[in-house]
Amino acid sequence: MLSHSDIWNALDRLARNLSTSPSGLARQAGLDPTTFNKSKRQSSSGKDRWPSTESLAKVLATIGMSFEDFARFADQAGAHGPSIPVIGLAQAGNQGFFDDAGFPVGAGWDDVRVPGLRDENVYCLQIAGDSMSPVLRAGDKILVAPNENIRKGDRVVVKTLEGEIMAKELQSQSQTHISLISLNREYEDRKLARSEIQWIARIVWVSQ
């Protein structure tokens, strides 16, 4: 049976493994950033406070993790997951890192661990520059899932046949073109012909 400290330790380890903080984890799930703060874990009288099932469920839904996988974080030995390749966004524009469908290949990748992740084709890109701020900032890591279906409003990574790689929001798509909204409004939106695109993949998580 999981104890009060087990649950909170699991949340802390989950945050660290996603290169964020408990506050960042709460923010990503649409919760008040103070939801998982240490000050919220006991009352003023010293009585233990547990995270609500609703807040925990929102976090797990956001990162696509089951409670069974989350529970492994209660044990430090179980808080490891598959190796996820990670590379800088600018470097990703070079040849040799992706196949024609946008799956990671070749050498030169670092790696991170994301417990509970089941899609072996997910990879991580690290943001550089300010073209996507304030939504995505230099140093942020994004998990990209080539297998995921994309829909209007999704944040996506697109690589053109000329080697340009960009993270945008999908505004619309047709059989011949896609329209993209720039996350930094100082940069122009883009409309690309399908014939210009090597691949497009959905962003499923942002670690800030």
C-alpha atoms as a PDB file:
ATOM      1  CA  MET A   1       0.000   0.000   0.000  1.00  0.00           C
ATOM      2  CA  LEU A   2       1.325   3.439  -0.929  1.00  0.00           C
ATOM      3  CA  SER A   3       1.883   5.816   1.972  1.00  0.00           C
ATOM      4  CA  HIS A   4       1.518   9.599   2.077  1.00  0.00           C
ATOM      5  CA  SER A   5       5.271  10.075   1.583  1.00  0.00           C
ATOM      6  CA  ASP A   6       5.328   7.454  -1.201  1.00  0.00           C
ATOM      7  CA  ILE A   7       2.828   9.443  -3.283  1.00  0.00           C
ATOM      8  CA  TRP A   8       4.616  12.768  -2.812  1.00  0.00           C
ATOM      9  CA  ASN A   9       8.027  11.203  -3.481  1.00  0.00           C
ATOM     10  CA  ALA A  10       6.592   9.681  -6.663  1.00  0.00           C
ATOM     11  CA  LEU A  11       5.398  13.111  -7.838  1.00  0.00           C
ATOM     12  CA  ASP A  12       8.802  14.644  -7.101  1.00  0.00           C
ATOM     13  CA  ARG A  13      10.626  11.884  -9.013  1.00  0.00           C
ATOM     14  CA  LEU A  14       8.224  12.140 -11.923  1.00  0.00           C
ATOM     15  CA  ALA A  15       8.913  15.873 -12.172  1.00  0.00           C
ATOM     16  CA  ARG A  16      12.681  15.352 -12.078  1.00  0.00           C
ATOM     17  CA  ASN A  17      12.533  12.678 -14.771  1.00  0.00           C
ATOM     18  CA  LEU A  18      10.620  15.100 -16.998  1.00  0.00           C
ATOM     19  CA  SER A  19      13.226  17.810 -16.346  1.00  0.00           C
ATOM     20  CA  THR A  20      10.741  20.011 -14.539  1.00  0.00           C
ATOM     21  CA  SER A  21       9.584  20.808 -10.997  1.00  0.00           C
ATOM     22  CA  PRO A  22       6.386  19.860  -9.121  1.00  0.00           C
ATOM     23  CA  SER A  23       5.156  23.386  -9.909  1.00  0.00           C
ATOM     24  CA  GLY A  24       5.954  22.902 -13.593  1.00  0.00           C
ATOM     25  CA  LEU A  25       4.175  19.559 -13.580  1.00  0.00           C
ATOM     26  CA  ALA A  26       1.063  21.176 -12.100  1.00  0.00           C
ATOM     27  CA  ARG A  27       1.200  24.036 -14.608  1.00  0.00           C
ATOM     28  CA  GLN A  28       1.438  21.638 -17.566  1.00  0.00           C
ATOM     29  CA  ALA A  29      -1.701  19.873 -16.315  1.00  0.00           C
ATOM     30  CA  GLY A  30      -3.631  23.155 -16.065  1.00  0.00           C
ATOM     31  CA  LEU A  31      -3.506  23.247 -12.258  1.00  0.00           C
ATOM     32  CA  ASP A  32      -2.509  25.991  -9.845  1.00  0.00           C
ATOM     33  CA  PRO A  33       1.330  25.955  -9.839  1.00  0.00           C
ATOM     34  CA  THR A  34       1.340  25.624  -6.033  1.00  0.00           C
ATOM     35  CA  THR A  35      -0.789  22.438  -6.064  1.00  0.00           C
ATOM     36  CA  PHE A  36       2.161  20.128  -5.338  1.00  0.00           C
ATOM     37  CA  ASN A  37       4.313  22.525  -3.291  1.00  0.00           C
ATOM     38  CA  LYS A  38       5.854  21.124  -0.117  1.00  0.00           C
ATOM     39  CA  SER A  39       3.812  23.634   1.909  1.00  0.00           C
ATOM     40  CA  LYS A  40       0.619  21.905   0.691  1.00  0.00           C
ATOM     41  CA  ARG A  41       1.651  18.478   1.946  1.00  0.00           C
ATOM     42  CA  GLN A  42       0.816  19.063   5.605  1.00  0.00           C
ATOM     43  CA  SER A  43      -1.710  21.257   7.370  1.00  0.00           C
ATOM     44  CA  SER A  44      -0.668  23.948   9.865  1.00  0.00           C
ATOM     45  CA  SER A  45      -1.423  21.442  12.608  1.00  0.00           C
ATOM     46  CA  GLY A  46       0.944  18.898  11.080  1.00  0.00           C
ATOM     47  CA  LYS A  47      -1.726  16.598   9.639  1.00  0.00           C
ATOM     48  CA  ASP A  48      -0.788  14.889   6.377  1.00  0.00           C
ATOM     49  CA  ARG A  49      -2.431  16.219   3.219  1.00  0.00           C
ATOM     50  CA  TRP A  50      -2.687  14.004   0.147  1.00  0.00           C
ATOM     51  CA  PRO A  51      -2.795  15.218  -3.457  1.00  0.00           C
ATOM     52  CA  SER A  52      -6.357  15.047  -4.736  1.00  0.00           C
ATOM     53  CA  THR A  53      -7.288  12.223  -7.084  1.00  0.00           C
ATOM     54  CA  GLU A  54      -8.492  14.867  -9.552  1.00  0.00           C
ATOM     55  CA  SER A  55      -5.162  16.709  -9.653  1.00  0.00           C
ATOM     56  CA  LEU A  56      -3.194  13.469  -9.941  1.00  0.00           C
ATOM     57  CA  ALA A  57      -5.497  12.226 -12.700  1.00  0.00           C
ATOM     58  CA  LYS A  58      -4.992  15.470 -14.655  1.00  0.00           C
ATOM     59  CA  VAL A  59      -1.216  15.117 -14.493  1.00  0.00           C
ATOM     60  CA  LEU A  60      -1.284  11.487 -15.633  1.00  0.00           C
ATOM     61  CA  ALA A  61      -3.716  12.280 -18.457  1.00  0.00           C
ATOM     62  CA  THR A  62      -1.478  15.134 -19.636  1.00  0.00           C
ATOM     63  CA  ILE A  63       1.595  12.924 -19.947  1.00  0.00           C
ATOM     64  CA  GLY A  64      -0.266   9.773 -21.030  1.00  0.00           C
ATOM     65  CA  MET A  65       0.794   7.678 -18.043  1.00  0.00           C
ATOM     66  CA  SER A  66      -1.205   5.014 -16.187  1.00  0.00           C
ATOM     67  CA  PHE A  67      -1.453   5.000 -12.388  1.00  0.00           C
ATOM     68  CA  GLU A  68       0.391   1.663 -12.416  1.00  0.00           C
ATOM     69  CA  ASP A  69       3.370   3.296 -14.116  1.00  0.00           C
ATOM     70  CA  PHE A  70       3.156   6.281 -11.768  1.00  0.00           C
ATOM     71  CA  ALA A  71       3.167   4.007  -8.735  1.00  0.00           C
ATOM     72  CA  ARG A  72       6.599   2.718  -9.750  1.00  0.00           C
ATOM     73  CA  PHE A  73       7.983   6.116  -8.837  1.00  0.00           C
ATOM     74  CA  ALA A  74       7.275   5.291  -5.196  1.00  0.00           C
ATOM     75  CA  ASP A  75      10.256   2.951  -5.520  1.00  0.00           C
ATOM     76  CA  GLN A  76      13.451   4.708  -6.668  1.00  0.00           C
ATOM     77  CA  ALA A  77      14.544   1.509  -8.409  1.00  0.00           C
ATOM     78  CA  GLY A  78      11.411   1.525 -10.520  1.00  0.00           C
ATOM     79  CA  ALA A  79      11.623   5.163 -11.549  1.00  0.00           C
ATOM     80  CA  HIS A  80      13.342   4.517 -14.848  1.00  0.00           C
ATOM     81  CA  GLY A  81      11.942   4.233 -18.337  1.00  0.00           C
ATOM     82  CA  PRO A  82      13.056   3.646 -21.894  1.00  0.00           C
ATOM     83  CA  SER A  83      15.862   5.718 -23.357  1.00  0.00           C
ATOM     84  CA  ILE A  84      14.429   8.582 -25.427  1.00  0.00           C
ATOM     85  CA  PRO A  85      16.732  10.176 -28.023  1.00  0.00           C
ATOM     86  CA  VAL A  86      17.210  13.931 -27.625  1.00  0.00           C
ATOM     87  CA  ILE A  87      18.834  16.441 -29.970  1.00  0.00           C
ATOM     88  CA  GLY A  88      18.921  20.214 -30.406  1.00  0.00           C
ATOM     89  CA  LEU A  89      16.229  21.665 -32.656  1.00  0.00           C
ATOM     90  CA  ALA A  90      18.761  23.505 -34.828  1.00  0.00           C
ATOM     91  CA  GLN A  91      20.891  20.386 -35.219  1.00  0.00           C
ATOM     92  CA  ALA A  92      17.782  18.426 -36.191  1.00  0.00           C
ATOM     93  CA  GLY A  93      17.704  20.326 -39.489  1.00  0.00           C
ATOM     94  CA  ASN A  94      20.829  18.459 -40.602  1.00  0.00           C
ATOM     95  CA  GLN A  95      20.698  15.275 -42.620  1.00  0.00           C
ATOM     96  CA  GLY A  96      21.084  11.880 -40.992  1.00  0.00           C
ATOM     97  CA  PHE A  97      18.950  12.229 -37.867  1.00  0.00           C
ATOM     98  CA  PHE A  98      15.524  11.283 -39.279  1.00  0.00           C
ATOM     99  CA  ASP A  99      14.075   8.979 -41.877  1.00  0.00           C
ATOM    100  CA  ASP A 100      11.567  10.221 -44.463  1.00  0.00           C
ATOM    101  CA  ALA A 101       8.660   9.634 -42.026  1.00  0.00           C
ATOM    102  CA  GLY A 102      10.199  11.699 -39.224  1.00  0.00           C
ATOM    103  CA  PHE A 103      11.432   8.822 -37.042  1.00  0.00           C
ATOM    104  CA  PRO A 104      14.825   9.203 -35.279  1.00  0.00           C
ATOM    105  CA  VAL A 105      17.742   7.322 -36.831  1.00  0.00           C
ATOM    106  CA  GLY A 106      21.517   7.495 -36.944  1.00  0.00           C
ATOM    107  CA  ALA A 107      24.046   8.616 -34.349  1.00  0.00           C
ATOM    108  CA  GLY A 108      24.698  11.825 -32.456  1.00  0.00           C
ATOM    109  CA  TRP A 109      21.664  11.696 -30.154  1.00  0.00           C
ATOM    110  CA  ASP A 110      21.856  12.123 -26.394  1.00  0.00           C
ATOM    111  CA  ASP A 111      19.113  10.475 -24.341  1.00  0.00           C
ATOM    112  CA  VAL A 112      16.653  11.073 -21.522  1.00  0.00           C
ATOM    113  CA  ARG A 113      14.493   8.672 -19.508  1.00  0.00           C
ATOM    114  CA  VAL A 114      10.702   8.990 -19.450  1.00  0.00           C
ATOM    115  CA  PRO A 115       9.111   6.245 -17.308  1.00  0.00           C
ATOM    116  CA  GLY A 116       5.698   5.028 -18.409  1.00  0.00           C
ATOM    117  CA  LEU A 117       6.255   5.990 -22.032  1.00  0.00           C
ATOM    118  CA  ARG A 118       5.220   3.182 -24.356  1.00  0.00           C
ATOM    119  CA  ASP A 119       5.790   4.637 -27.820  1.00  0.00           C
ATOM    120  CA  GLU A 120       9.339   3.642 -28.760  1.00  0.00           C
ATOM    121  CA  ASN A 121       9.332   6.141 -31.638  1.00  0.00           C
ATOM    122  CA  VAL A 122       8.887   9.230 -29.458  1.00  0.00           C
ATOM    123  CA  TYR A 123      11.936  11.491 -29.330  1.00  0.00           C
ATOM    124  CA  CYS A 124      12.942  14.755 -27.693  1.00  0.00           C
ATOM    125  CA  LEU A 125      14.017  18.064 -29.250  1.00  0.00           C
ATOM    126  CA  GLN A 126      15.609  20.855 -27.230  1.00  0.00           C
ATOM    127  CA  ILE A 127      14.543  24.380 -28.169  1.00  0.00           C
ATOM    128  CA  ALA A 128      17.135  26.997 -29.136  1.00  0.00           C
ATOM    129  CA  GLY A 129      16.584  30.694 -29.878  1.00  0.00           C
ATOM    130  CA  ASP A 130      13.490  32.841 -29.364  1.00  0.00           C
ATOM    131  CA  SER A 131      11.402  32.125 -32.458  1.00  0.00           C
ATOM    132  CA  MET A 132       8.847  30.221 -30.365  1.00  0.00           C
ATOM    133  CA  SER A 133       8.873  32.284 -27.160  1.00  0.00           C
ATOM    134  CA  PRO A 134       7.123  32.857 -24.852  1.00  0.00           C
ATOM    135  CA  VAL A 135       5.324  29.515 -25.418  1.00  0.00           C
ATOM    136  CA  LEU A 136       8.567  27.598 -25.963  1.00  0.00           C
ATOM    137  CA  ARG A 137      11.821  29.044 -24.681  1.00  0.00           C
ATOM    138  CA  ALA A 138      15.477  28.231 -25.239  1.00  0.00           C
ATOM    139  CA  GLY A 139      16.339  25.125 -23.222  1.00  0.00           C
ATOM    140  CA  ASP A 140      12.802  23.716 -23.125  1.00  0.00           C
ATOM    141  CA  LYS A 141      12.488  20.106 -24.247  1.00  0.00           C
ATOM    142  CA  ILE A 142       9.585  18.868 -26.349  1.00  0.00           C
ATOM    143  CA  LEU A 143       8.538  15.255 -26.831  1.00  0.00           C
ATOM    144  CA  VAL A 144       7.574  14.558 -30.444  1.00  0.00           C
ATOM    145  CA  ALA A 145       5.413  11.592 -31.500  1.00  0.00           C
ATOM    146  CA  PRO A 146       5.511  10.764 -35.242  1.00  0.00           C
ATOM    147  CA  ASN A 147       2.835   8.060 -34.796  1.00  0.00           C
ATOM    148  CA  GLU A 148       0.211  10.452 -33.413  1.00  0.00           C
ATOM    149  CA  ASN A 149      -2.579  11.784 -35.619  1.00  0.00           C
ATOM    150  CA  ILE A 150      -2.522  15.575 -35.896  1.00  0.00           C
ATOM    151  CA  ARG A 151      -5.521  17.891 -35.773  1.00  0.00           C
ATOM    152  CA  LYS A 152      -6.237  21.596 -35.958  1.00  0.00           C
ATOM    153  CA  GLY A 153      -4.853  23.344 -32.885  1.00  0.00           C
ATOM    154  CA  ASP A 154      -2.102  20.795 -32.243  1.00  0.00           C
ATOM    155  CA  ARG A 155       1.445  22.002 -31.782  1.00  0.00           C
ATOM    156  CA  VAL A 156       3.649  20.289 -34.313  1.00  0.00           C
ATOM    157  CA  VAL A 157       7.206  20.028 -35.573  1.00  0.00           C
ATOM    158  CA  VAL A 158       7.612  20.304 -39.343  1.00  0.00           C
ATOM    159  CA  LYS A 159      10.678  19.528 -41.445  1.00  0.00           C
ATOM    160  CA  THR A 160      10.835  20.724 -45.033  1.00  0.00           C
ATOM    161  CA  LEU A 161      12.666  19.016 -47.874  1.00  0.00           C
ATOM    162  CA  GLU A 162      15.178  21.884 -47.779  1.00  0.00           C
ATOM    163  CA  GLY A 163      16.107  20.978 -44.186  1.00  0.00           C
ATOM    164  CA  GLU A 164      14.262  23.781 -42.364  1.00  0.00           C
ATOM    165  CA  ILE A 165      12.743  22.571 -39.108  1.00  0.00           C
ATOM    166  CA  MET A 166      10.147  24.522 -37.120  1.00  0.00           C
ATOM    167  CA  ALA A 167       7.701  24.169 -34.234  1.00  0.00           C
ATOM    168  CA  LYS A 168       4.320  25.762 -34.919  1.00  0.00           C
ATOM    169  CA  GLU A 169       0.598  25.374 -34.257  1.00  0.00           C
ATOM    170  CA  LEU A 170      -1.437  23.663 -36.960  1.00  0.00           C
ATOM    171  CA  GLN A 171      -4.116  26.057 -38.157  1.00  0.00           C
ATOM    172  CA  SER A 172      -5.531  23.961 -41.007  1.00  0.00           C
ATOM    173  CA  GLN A 173      -4.580  21.240 -43.463  1.00  0.00           C
ATOM    174  CA  SER A 174      -5.801  19.998 -46.818  1.00  0.00           C
ATOM    175  CA  GLN A 175      -4.612  17.441 -49.340  1.00  0.00           C
ATOM    176  CA  THR A 176      -2.317  20.028 -50.918  1.00  0.00           C
ATOM    177  CA  HIS A 177      -1.312  22.527 -48.181  1.00  0.00           C
ATOM    178  CA  ILE A 178      -0.923  23.068 -44.447  1.00  0.00           C
ATOM    179  CA  SER A 179      -1.231  26.409 -42.640  1.00  0.00           C
ATOM    180  CA  LEU A 180       0.859  27.018 -39.517  1.00  0.00           C
ATOM    181  CA  ILE A 181       0.593  29.662 -36.778  1.00  0.00           C
ATOM    182  CA  SER A 182       3.840  30.970 -35.296  1.00  0.00           C
ATOM    183  CA  LEU A 183       4.040  30.628 -31.509  1.00  0.00           C
ATOM    184  CA  ASN A 184       5.976  33.908 -31.376  1.00  0.00           C
ATOM    185  CA  ARG A 185       3.725  36.516 -32.966  1.00  0.00           C
ATOM    186  CA  GLU A 186       6.748  38.536 -34.078  1.00  0.00           C
ATOM    187  CA  TYR A 187       7.377  35.795 -36.644  1.00  0.00           C
ATOM    188  CA  GLU A 188       5.234  35.230 -39.717  1.00  0.00           C
ATOM    189  CA  ASP A 189       2.710  32.422 -39.999  1.00  0.00           C
ATOM    190  CA  ARG A 190       3.519  29.888 -42.700  1.00  0.00           C
ATOM    191  CA  LYS A 191       1.600  28.154 -45.466  1.00  0.00           C
ATOM    192  CA  LEU A 192       3.408  25.202 -47.000  1.00  0.00           C
ATOM    193  CA  ALA A 193       2.580  22.952 -49.921  1.00  0.00           C
ATOM    194  CA  ARG A 194       2.539  19.255 -49.041  1.00  0.00           C
ATOM    195  CA  SER A 195       5.179  18.795 -51.719  1.00  0.00           C
ATOM    196  CA  GLU A 196       7.573  20.992 -49.649  1.00  0.00           C
ATOM    197  CA  ILE A 197       7.233  18.921 -46.463  1.00  0.00           C
ATOM    198  CA  GLN A 198       9.414  15.977 -45.557  1.00  0.00           C
ATOM    199  CA  TRP A 199       7.421  15.165 -42.420  1.00  0.00           C
ATOM    200  CA  ILE A 200       5.170  16.644 -39.749  1.00  0.00           C
ATOM    201  CA  ALA A 201       4.805  15.273 -36.183  1.00  0.00           C
ATOM    202  CA  ARG A 202       2.792  16.184 -33.118  1.00  0.00           C
ATOM    203  CA  ILE A 203       4.286  17.655 -29.929  1.00  0.00           C
ATOM    204  CA  VAL A 204       2.892  15.634 -27.021  1.00  0.00           C
ATOM    205  CA  TRP A 205       4.745  17.145 -24.044  1.00  0.00           C
ATOM    206  CA  VAL A 206       6.718  20.249 -23.172  1.00  0.00           C
ATOM    207  CA  SER A 207       9.205  20.159 -20.282  1.00  0.00           C
ATOM    208  CA  GLN A 208       9.894  23.674 -18.939  1.00  0.00           C
END
